[in-house]
Amino acid sequence: MSDSTAIHPTAQVDPAAVIGAGVQGEAQVRALQQVRRVERVDVVDAVPERAESYAARVGPALGVEVAVHRDVAAAVRTGRCFILKASWSAMV
């Protein structure tokens, strides 16, 4: 990453809510981290086990805290977050 696109060390930290715990959801958080400091990800999936697996895989891989939720409303409860819909499901 060049200096012109590097994230400033004092940049605002933004939470992200990921709807859909598959490969696309991980890729979107990786991309978001290129332009924003993301330290927390709230994830929800139609299959709770996939969200748990996502948290176990993505948290350590990306160095972020990942919280698993059972429904979309809980995942976006902060009110101010990036919402990444990474699912073909009819959850929302």
C-alpha atoms as a PDB file:
ATOM      1  CA  MET A   1       0.000   0.000   0.000  1.00  0.00           C
ATOM      2  CA  SER A   2       1.400   3.375  -0.926  1.00  0.00           C
ATOM      3  CA  ASP A   3       1.612   6.290   1.497  1.00  0.00           C
ATOM      4  CA  SER A   4      -1.133   8.091  -0.401  1.00  0.00           C
ATOM      5  CA  THR A   5      -3.655   5.344   0.357  1.00  0.00           C
ATOM      6  CA  ALA A   6      -2.420   4.270   3.784  1.00  0.00           C
ATOM      7  CA  ILE A   7      -4.826   4.582   6.679  1.00  0.00           C
ATOM      8  CA  HIS A   8      -3.787   7.373   9.007  1.00  0.00           C
ATOM      9  CA  PRO A   9      -2.922   6.029  12.505  1.00  0.00           C
ATOM     10  CA  THR A  10      -5.486   8.357  14.080  1.00  0.00           C
ATOM     11  CA  ALA A  11      -8.243   7.506  11.602  1.00  0.00           C
ATOM     12  CA  GLN A  12     -11.657   6.917  13.038  1.00  0.00           C
ATOM     13  CA  VAL A  13     -12.427   3.331  13.955  1.00  0.00           C
ATOM     14  CA  ASP A  14     -15.596   2.090  12.315  1.00  0.00           C
ATOM     15  CA  PRO A  15     -17.617  -1.008  13.187  1.00  0.00           C
ATOM     16  CA  ALA A  16     -18.949  -3.184  10.383  1.00  0.00           C
ATOM     17  CA  ALA A  17     -22.073  -5.320  10.298  1.00  0.00           C
ATOM     18  CA  VAL A  18     -21.858  -8.279   7.940  1.00  0.00           C
ATOM     19  CA  ILE A  19     -25.055  -9.967   6.808  1.00  0.00           C
ATOM     20  CA  GLY A  20     -23.991 -13.316   5.426  1.00  0.00           C
ATOM     21  CA  ALA A  21     -21.020 -15.212   6.829  1.00  0.00           C
ATOM     22  CA  GLY A  22     -19.490 -16.647   3.688  1.00  0.00           C
ATOM     23  CA  VAL A  23     -16.399 -15.945   1.635  1.00  0.00           C
ATOM     24  CA  GLN A  24     -17.871 -12.708   0.281  1.00  0.00           C
ATOM     25  CA  GLY A  25     -18.433 -11.392   3.802  1.00  0.00           C
ATOM     26  CA  GLU A  26     -14.786 -11.947   4.651  1.00  0.00           C
ATOM     27  CA  ALA A  27     -13.611 -10.387   1.378  1.00  0.00           C
ATOM     28  CA  GLN A  28     -15.714  -7.288   1.972  1.00  0.00           C
ATOM     29  CA  VAL A  29     -14.251  -6.739   5.431  1.00  0.00           C
ATOM     30  CA  ARG A  30     -10.737  -7.206   4.013  1.00  0.00           C
ATOM     31  CA  ALA A  31     -11.503  -4.568   1.374  1.00  0.00           C
ATOM     32  CA  LEU A  32     -13.029  -2.193   3.919  1.00  0.00           C
ATOM     33  CA  GLN A  33      -9.884  -2.490   6.041  1.00  0.00           C
ATOM     34  CA  GLN A  34      -7.916  -1.015   3.154  1.00  0.00           C
ATOM     35  CA  VAL A  35      -9.666   2.337   3.621  1.00  0.00           C
ATOM     36  CA  ARG A  36     -11.018   2.256   7.183  1.00  0.00           C
ATOM     37  CA  ARG A  37      -9.830   1.041  10.543  1.00  0.00           C
ATOM     38  CA  VAL A  38     -12.220  -1.764  11.423  1.00  0.00           C
ATOM     39  CA  GLU A  39     -11.753  -3.293  14.853  1.00  0.00           C
ATOM     40  CA  ARG A  40     -15.183  -4.833  15.366  1.00  0.00           C
ATOM     41  CA  VAL A  41     -17.378  -6.870  13.063  1.00  0.00           C
ATOM     42  CA  ASP A  42     -20.941  -7.864  13.948  1.00  0.00           C
ATOM     43  CA  VAL A  43     -22.018 -10.845  11.863  1.00  0.00           C
ATOM     44  CA  VAL A  44     -25.314 -12.611  11.259  1.00  0.00           C
ATOM     45  CA  ASP A  45     -26.196 -15.513   8.986  1.00  0.00           C
ATOM     46  CA  ALA A  46     -29.364 -17.510   8.318  1.00  0.00           C
ATOM     47  CA  VAL A  47     -27.415 -20.537   9.571  1.00  0.00           C
ATOM     48  CA  PRO A  48     -26.012 -19.659  13.021  1.00  0.00           C
ATOM     49  CA  GLU A  49     -23.210 -22.217  12.711  1.00  0.00           C
ATOM     50  CA  ARG A  50     -21.843 -20.353   9.674  1.00  0.00           C
ATOM     51  CA  ALA A  51     -21.697 -17.131  11.692  1.00  0.00           C
ATOM     52  CA  GLU A  52     -19.827 -18.950  14.474  1.00  0.00           C
ATOM     53  CA  SER A  53     -17.383 -20.402  11.946  1.00  0.00           C
ATOM     54  CA  TYR A  54     -16.919 -16.945  10.385  1.00  0.00           C
ATOM     55  CA  ALA A  55     -16.087 -15.468  13.798  1.00  0.00           C
ATOM     56  CA  ALA A  56     -13.544 -18.196  14.554  1.00  0.00           C
ATOM     57  CA  ARG A  57     -11.886 -17.791  11.143  1.00  0.00           C
ATOM     58  CA  VAL A  58     -12.114 -14.060  10.418  1.00  0.00           C
ATOM     59  CA  GLY A  59     -11.403 -12.644  13.863  1.00  0.00           C
ATOM     60  CA  PRO A  60      -7.874 -14.034  14.128  1.00  0.00           C
ATOM     61  CA  ALA A  61      -7.146 -13.726  10.389  1.00  0.00           C
ATOM     62  CA  LEU A  62      -8.000 -10.021  10.246  1.00  0.00           C
ATOM     63  CA  GLY A  63      -7.180  -9.032  13.803  1.00  0.00           C
ATOM     64  CA  VAL A  64     -10.718  -7.887  14.608  1.00  0.00           C
ATOM     65  CA  GLU A  65     -13.238  -8.608  17.302  1.00  0.00           C
ATOM     66  CA  VAL A  66     -16.175 -10.534  15.807  1.00  0.00           C
ATOM     67  CA  ALA A  67     -19.542 -10.729  17.563  1.00  0.00           C
ATOM     68  CA  VAL A  68     -22.125 -13.234  16.358  1.00  0.00           C
ATOM     69  CA  HIS A  69     -25.810 -12.276  16.337  1.00  0.00           C
ATOM     70  CA  ARG A  70     -29.016 -14.209  15.718  1.00  0.00           C
ATOM     71  CA  ASP A  71     -30.817 -11.480  13.767  1.00  0.00           C
ATOM     72  CA  VAL A  72     -30.051  -8.506  11.551  1.00  0.00           C
ATOM     73  CA  ALA A  73     -31.482  -5.945  13.987  1.00  0.00           C
ATOM     74  CA  ALA A  74     -29.032  -7.035  16.674  1.00  0.00           C
ATOM     75  CA  ALA A  75     -26.097  -6.978  14.251  1.00  0.00           C
ATOM     76  CA  VAL A  76     -26.731  -3.362  13.236  1.00  0.00           C
ATOM     77  CA  ARG A  77     -27.757  -2.094  16.676  1.00  0.00           C
ATOM     78  CA  THR A  78     -24.894   0.412  16.938  1.00  0.00           C
ATOM     79  CA  GLY A  79     -26.714   2.641  14.481  1.00  0.00           C
ATOM     80  CA  ARG A  80     -23.460   3.927  12.985  1.00  0.00           C
ATOM     81  CA  CYS A  81     -21.677   1.199  11.102  1.00  0.00           C
ATOM     82  CA  PHE A  82     -20.851  -0.022   7.647  1.00  0.00           C
ATOM     83  CA  ILE A  83     -23.433  -2.625   6.631  1.00  0.00           C
ATOM     84  CA  LEU A  84     -22.076  -5.230   4.244  1.00  0.00           C
ATOM     85  CA  LYS A  85     -24.719  -7.499   2.770  1.00  0.00           C
ATOM     86  CA  ALA A  86     -22.797 -10.533   1.651  1.00  0.00           C
ATOM     87  CA  SER A  87     -25.567 -13.007   1.148  1.00  0.00           C
ATOM     88  CA  TRP A  88     -28.045 -14.280  -1.386  1.00  0.00           C
ATOM     89  CA  SER A  89     -30.441 -15.054   1.450  1.00  0.00           C
ATOM     90  CA  ALA A  90     -33.749 -13.349   2.098  1.00  0.00           C
ATOM     91  CA  MET A  91     -32.695 -12.269   5.602  1.00  0.00           C
ATOM     92  CA  VAL A  92     -33.219  -8.599   4.761  1.00  0.00           C
END
